[in-house]
């Protein structure tokens, strides 16, 4: 499934995944979801679809670079230095599970299951970061609200990954 043809094609698709992740992040910043769920920082995480597809279609290094660029560029364009830290740590937690899913458990879990686990780990990474920054472990109670949200958002992004994956498979 990993692209091995030309390096120019790989770079082009890598750039496309970065741009799509920025576009998804921008779209999410325009839609105030806090009126649905009054949870600070609540987002669907649509940009994470790009990282998941990059891992499966471009490879580990490309997906890791896209994870870093997604966090950095999103914070530079739409966020703050602190949002960069939270995004990066959450993204790295999710990325570690992506690697586990691809190389250890392989075909035993689909994009939807992977996406749900990644959403939960992304949130856990962010809560752990907040706990370290604020020197307070009580913030882990926040996970009580974030885990059900992770399931819902993970299903949504997983379904998008399946749809985009079918589209990408024909073109990559």
C-alpha atoms as a PDB file:
ATOM      1  CA  UNK A   1       0.000   0.000   0.000  1.00  0.00           C
ATOM      2  CA  UNK A   2       2.933   2.352   0.534  1.00  0.00           C
ATOM      3  CA  UNK A   3       3.872   4.489  -2.438  1.00  0.00           C
ATOM      4  CA  UNK A   4       7.249   3.549  -3.867  1.00  0.00           C
ATOM      5  CA  UNK A   5       7.126   4.943  -7.391  1.00  0.00           C
ATOM      6  CA  UNK A   6       8.724   8.352  -7.846  1.00  0.00           C
ATOM      7  CA  UNK A   7      10.034  10.629  -5.137  1.00  0.00           C
ATOM      8  CA  UNK A   8       8.454  13.630  -6.898  1.00  0.00           C
ATOM      9  CA  UNK A   9       5.049  11.984  -6.670  1.00  0.00           C
ATOM     10  CA  UNK A  10       5.627  11.155  -3.001  1.00  0.00           C
ATOM     11  CA  UNK A  11       6.632  14.759  -2.233  1.00  0.00           C
ATOM     12  CA  UNK A  12       3.614  16.068  -4.150  1.00  0.00           C
ATOM     13  CA  UNK A  13       1.214  13.855  -2.204  1.00  0.00           C
ATOM     14  CA  UNK A  14       2.987  14.725   1.047  1.00  0.00           C
ATOM     15  CA  UNK A  15       2.488  18.407   0.286  1.00  0.00           C
ATOM     16  CA  UNK A  16      -1.137  17.726  -0.591  1.00  0.00           C
ATOM     17  CA  UNK A  17      -1.681  16.010   2.778  1.00  0.00           C
ATOM     18  CA  UNK A  18      -0.101  18.993   4.592  1.00  0.00           C
ATOM     19  CA  UNK A  19      -2.304  21.471   2.698  1.00  0.00           C
ATOM     20  CA  UNK A  20      -5.418  19.369   3.300  1.00  0.00           C
ATOM     21  CA  UNK A  21      -4.626  19.142   7.017  1.00  0.00           C
ATOM     22  CA  UNK A  22      -4.309  22.954   7.161  1.00  0.00           C
ATOM     23  CA  UNK A  23      -7.545  23.350   5.240  1.00  0.00           C
ATOM     24  CA  UNK A  24      -9.365  21.002   7.639  1.00  0.00           C
ATOM     25  CA  UNK A  25      -7.906  22.854  10.632  1.00  0.00           C
ATOM     26  CA  UNK A  26      -9.025  26.187   9.197  1.00  0.00           C
ATOM     27  CA  UNK A  27     -12.525  24.855   8.537  1.00  0.00           C
ATOM     28  CA  UNK A  28     -12.712  23.606  12.125  1.00  0.00           C
ATOM     29  CA  UNK A  29     -11.647  27.020  13.425  1.00  0.00           C
ATOM     30  CA  UNK A  30     -14.581  28.617  11.576  1.00  0.00           C
ATOM     31  CA  UNK A  31     -17.228  26.335  13.080  1.00  0.00           C
ATOM     32  CA  UNK A  32     -17.773  26.986  16.798  1.00  0.00           C
ATOM     33  CA  UNK A  33     -18.519  23.521  18.157  1.00  0.00           C
ATOM     34  CA  UNK A  34     -18.443  24.705  21.772  1.00  0.00           C
ATOM     35  CA  UNK A  35     -22.165  25.418  21.595  1.00  0.00           C
ATOM     36  CA  UNK A  36     -22.728  21.668  21.077  1.00  0.00           C
ATOM     37  CA  UNK A  37     -20.291  20.561  23.757  1.00  0.00           C
ATOM     38  CA  UNK A  38     -18.950  23.153  26.167  1.00  0.00           C
ATOM     39  CA  UNK A  39     -15.534  21.512  26.283  1.00  0.00           C
ATOM     40  CA  UNK A  40     -12.590  23.906  25.823  1.00  0.00           C
ATOM     41  CA  UNK A  41     -10.612  23.175  22.683  1.00  0.00           C
ATOM     42  CA  UNK A  42     -13.166  20.695  21.328  1.00  0.00           C
ATOM     43  CA  UNK A  43     -12.528  19.936  17.640  1.00  0.00           C
ATOM     44  CA  UNK A  44     -13.394  17.064  15.358  1.00  0.00           C
ATOM     45  CA  UNK A  45      -9.758  16.442  14.439  1.00  0.00           C
ATOM     46  CA  UNK A  46     -10.386  16.173  10.711  1.00  0.00           C
ATOM     47  CA  UNK A  47      -6.764  17.070   9.936  1.00  0.00           C
ATOM     48  CA  UNK A  48      -5.688  13.802  11.533  1.00  0.00           C
ATOM     49  CA  UNK A  49      -7.201  11.929   8.588  1.00  0.00           C
ATOM     50  CA  UNK A  50      -4.301  13.256   6.513  1.00  0.00           C
ATOM     51  CA  UNK A  51      -1.686  11.850   8.897  1.00  0.00           C
ATOM     52  CA  UNK A  52      -3.394   8.453   8.974  1.00  0.00           C
ATOM     53  CA  UNK A  53      -3.582   8.241   5.188  1.00  0.00           C
ATOM     54  CA  UNK A  54      -0.013   9.499   4.822  1.00  0.00           C
ATOM     55  CA  UNK A  55       1.252   6.689   7.044  1.00  0.00           C
ATOM     56  CA  UNK A  56      -0.537   4.040   5.025  1.00  0.00           C
ATOM     57  CA  UNK A  57       0.131   5.475   1.558  1.00  0.00           C
ATOM     58  CA  UNK A  58       3.425   7.355   1.868  1.00  0.00           C
ATOM     59  CA  UNK A  59       5.235   5.758   4.798  1.00  0.00           C
ATOM     60  CA  UNK A  60       6.373   6.386   8.350  1.00  0.00           C
ATOM     61  CA  UNK A  61       8.849   9.221   7.758  1.00  0.00           C
ATOM     62  CA  UNK A  62       6.454  11.191   5.566  1.00  0.00           C
ATOM     63  CA  UNK A  63       3.601  10.763   8.043  1.00  0.00           C
ATOM     64  CA  UNK A  64       5.856  11.872  10.915  1.00  0.00           C
ATOM     65  CA  UNK A  65       6.906  14.996   8.988  1.00  0.00           C
ATOM     66  CA  UNK A  66       3.259  15.740   8.201  1.00  0.00           C
ATOM     67  CA  UNK A  67       2.424  15.372  11.918  1.00  0.00           C
ATOM     68  CA  UNK A  68       5.107  17.914  12.815  1.00  0.00           C
ATOM     69  CA  UNK A  69       4.181  20.330  10.014  1.00  0.00           C
ATOM     70  CA  UNK A  70       0.466  20.050  10.800  1.00  0.00           C
ATOM     71  CA  UNK A  71       1.057  21.053  14.427  1.00  0.00           C
ATOM     72  CA  UNK A  72       3.549  23.801  13.635  1.00  0.00           C
ATOM     73  CA  UNK A  73       1.748  25.424  10.702  1.00  0.00           C
ATOM     74  CA  UNK A  74      -1.690  25.192  12.300  1.00  0.00           C
ATOM     75  CA  UNK A  75      -0.392  26.941  15.421  1.00  0.00           C
ATOM     76  CA  UNK A  76       1.389  29.589  13.350  1.00  0.00           C
ATOM     77  CA  UNK A  77      -1.674  30.316  11.213  1.00  0.00           C
ATOM     78  CA  UNK A  78      -4.598  29.802  13.585  1.00  0.00           C
ATOM     79  CA  UNK A  79      -3.231  29.348  17.093  1.00  0.00           C
ATOM     80  CA  UNK A  80      -0.631  30.205  19.693  1.00  0.00           C
ATOM     81  CA  UNK A  81       2.684  28.787  20.890  1.00  0.00           C
ATOM     82  CA  UNK A  82       0.768  26.954  23.617  1.00  0.00           C
ATOM     83  CA  UNK A  83      -1.632  25.439  21.077  1.00  0.00           C
ATOM     84  CA  UNK A  84       1.454  24.187  19.222  1.00  0.00           C
ATOM     85  CA  UNK A  85       2.657  22.356  22.341  1.00  0.00           C
ATOM     86  CA  UNK A  86      -0.733  20.758  22.973  1.00  0.00           C
ATOM     87  CA  UNK A  87      -1.205  19.845  19.312  1.00  0.00           C
ATOM     88  CA  UNK A  88       2.276  18.381  18.991  1.00  0.00           C
ATOM     89  CA  UNK A  89       2.105  16.226  22.115  1.00  0.00           C
ATOM     90  CA  UNK A  90      -1.392  15.010  21.273  1.00  0.00           C
ATOM     91  CA  UNK A  91      -0.314  14.347  17.699  1.00  0.00           C
ATOM     92  CA  UNK A  92       2.724  12.363  18.825  1.00  0.00           C
ATOM     93  CA  UNK A  93       0.612  10.208  21.172  1.00  0.00           C
ATOM     94  CA  UNK A  94      -1.766   9.485  18.290  1.00  0.00           C
ATOM     95  CA  UNK A  95       1.132   8.891  15.891  1.00  0.00           C
ATOM     96  CA  UNK A  96       2.633   6.280  18.219  1.00  0.00           C
ATOM     97  CA  UNK A  97      -0.649   4.378  18.142  1.00  0.00           C
ATOM     98  CA  UNK A  98      -0.761   4.677  14.356  1.00  0.00           C
ATOM     99  CA  UNK A  99       2.637   2.990  14.213  1.00  0.00           C
ATOM    100  CA  UNK A 100       1.464   0.309  16.632  1.00  0.00           C
ATOM    101  CA  UNK A 101      -1.663  -0.280  14.552  1.00  0.00           C
ATOM    102  CA  UNK A 102       0.194  -0.455  11.254  1.00  0.00           C
ATOM    103  CA  UNK A 103       3.184  -2.551  12.282  1.00  0.00           C
ATOM    104  CA  UNK A 104       2.025  -4.615  15.273  1.00  0.00           C
ATOM    105  CA  UNK A 105      -1.700  -5.318  15.047  1.00  0.00           C
ATOM    106  CA  UNK A 106      -1.805  -4.782  11.265  1.00  0.00           C
ATOM    107  CA  UNK A 107      -5.157  -5.743   9.703  1.00  0.00           C
ATOM    108  CA  UNK A 108      -6.931  -6.581  12.983  1.00  0.00           C
ATOM    109  CA  UNK A 109      -8.340  -3.065  13.315  1.00  0.00           C
ATOM    110  CA  UNK A 110      -9.721  -0.808  10.605  1.00  0.00           C
ATOM    111  CA  UNK A 111      -9.449   2.940  10.044  1.00  0.00           C
ATOM    112  CA  UNK A 112     -12.458   3.620  12.279  1.00  0.00           C
ATOM    113  CA  UNK A 113     -11.028   1.711  15.253  1.00  0.00           C
ATOM    114  CA  UNK A 114      -7.612   3.248  14.694  1.00  0.00           C
ATOM    115  CA  UNK A 115      -9.152   6.704  14.500  1.00  0.00           C
ATOM    116  CA  UNK A 116     -11.100   6.242  17.758  1.00  0.00           C
ATOM    117  CA  UNK A 117      -7.949   5.101  19.581  1.00  0.00           C
ATOM    118  CA  UNK A 118      -5.925   7.958  18.084  1.00  0.00           C
ATOM    119  CA  UNK A 119      -8.551  10.511  19.136  1.00  0.00           C
ATOM    120  CA  UNK A 120      -8.522   9.172  22.708  1.00  0.00           C
ATOM    121  CA  UNK A 121      -4.716   9.145  22.851  1.00  0.00           C
ATOM    122  CA  UNK A 122      -4.513  12.614  21.307  1.00  0.00           C
ATOM    123  CA  UNK A 123      -6.791  13.899  24.075  1.00  0.00           C
ATOM    124  CA  UNK A 124      -4.843  11.987  26.724  1.00  0.00           C
ATOM    125  CA  UNK A 125      -1.591  13.515  25.473  1.00  0.00           C
ATOM    126  CA  UNK A 126      -3.077  16.983  25.682  1.00  0.00           C
ATOM    127  CA  UNK A 127      -4.455  16.419  29.186  1.00  0.00           C
ATOM    128  CA  UNK A 128      -1.096  15.007  30.305  1.00  0.00           C
ATOM    129  CA  UNK A 129       0.596  18.101  28.873  1.00  0.00           C
ATOM    130  CA  UNK A 130      -1.814  20.372  30.753  1.00  0.00           C
ATOM    131  CA  UNK A 131      -1.140  18.384  33.920  1.00  0.00           C
ATOM    132  CA  UNK A 132       2.599  18.949  33.554  1.00  0.00           C
ATOM    133  CA  UNK A 133       2.250  22.644  32.633  1.00  0.00           C
ATOM    134  CA  UNK A 134      -0.196  23.434  35.442  1.00  0.00           C
ATOM    135  CA  UNK A 135       1.389  20.975  37.898  1.00  0.00           C
ATOM    136  CA  UNK A 136      -2.004  19.493  38.703  1.00  0.00           C
ATOM    137  CA  UNK A 137      -3.094  15.888  38.203  1.00  0.00           C
ATOM    138  CA  UNK A 138      -6.754  16.726  38.911  1.00  0.00           C
ATOM    139  CA  UNK A 139      -7.051  17.747  35.263  1.00  0.00           C
ATOM    140  CA  UNK A 140      -7.149  14.042  34.363  1.00  0.00           C
ATOM    141  CA  UNK A 141     -10.809  14.095  35.464  1.00  0.00           C
ATOM    142  CA  UNK A 142     -11.339  15.937  32.210  1.00  0.00           C
ATOM    143  CA  UNK A 143     -10.842  12.608  30.431  1.00  0.00           C
ATOM    144  CA  UNK A 144     -14.253  11.548  31.754  1.00  0.00           C
ATOM    145  CA  UNK A 145     -15.729  14.025  29.264  1.00  0.00           C
ATOM    146  CA  UNK A 146     -13.143  13.633  26.543  1.00  0.00           C
ATOM    147  CA  UNK A 147     -13.278   9.852  26.105  1.00  0.00           C
ATOM    148  CA  UNK A 148     -16.914   9.708  24.928  1.00  0.00           C
ATOM    149  CA  UNK A 149     -16.205  12.680  22.653  1.00  0.00           C
ATOM    150  CA  UNK A 150     -13.131  10.814  21.349  1.00  0.00           C
ATOM    151  CA  UNK A 151     -15.308   7.886  20.361  1.00  0.00           C
ATOM    152  CA  UNK A 152     -17.724  10.116  18.430  1.00  0.00           C
ATOM    153  CA  UNK A 153     -15.052  12.213  16.721  1.00  0.00           C
ATOM    154  CA  UNK A 154     -12.921   9.129  16.069  1.00  0.00           C
ATOM    155  CA  UNK A 155     -15.819   7.469  14.263  1.00  0.00           C
ATOM    156  CA  UNK A 156     -16.355  10.585  12.133  1.00  0.00           C
ATOM    157  CA  UNK A 157     -12.685  10.911  11.188  1.00  0.00           C
ATOM    158  CA  UNK A 158     -12.424   7.153  10.692  1.00  0.00           C
ATOM    159  CA  UNK A 159     -15.309   7.212   8.231  1.00  0.00           C
ATOM    160  CA  UNK A 160     -13.624  10.082   6.383  1.00  0.00           C
ATOM    161  CA  UNK A 161     -10.356   8.137   6.317  1.00  0.00           C
ATOM    162  CA  UNK A 162     -12.158   5.154   4.799  1.00  0.00           C
ATOM    163  CA  UNK A 163     -13.798   7.356   2.138  1.00  0.00           C
ATOM    164  CA  UNK A 164     -10.625   9.298   1.336  1.00  0.00           C
ATOM    165  CA  UNK A 165      -8.604   6.080   1.445  1.00  0.00           C
ATOM    166  CA  UNK A 166     -10.750   4.555  -1.280  1.00  0.00           C
ATOM    167  CA  UNK A 167     -10.315   7.712  -3.327  1.00  0.00           C
ATOM    168  CA  UNK A 168      -6.553   7.878  -2.694  1.00  0.00           C
ATOM    169  CA  UNK A 169      -5.986   4.185  -3.400  1.00  0.00           C
ATOM    170  CA  UNK A 170      -7.021   4.735  -7.012  1.00  0.00           C
ATOM    171  CA  UNK A 171      -4.712   7.717  -7.440  1.00  0.00           C
ATOM    172  CA  UNK A 172      -1.611   7.139  -5.362  1.00  0.00           C
END
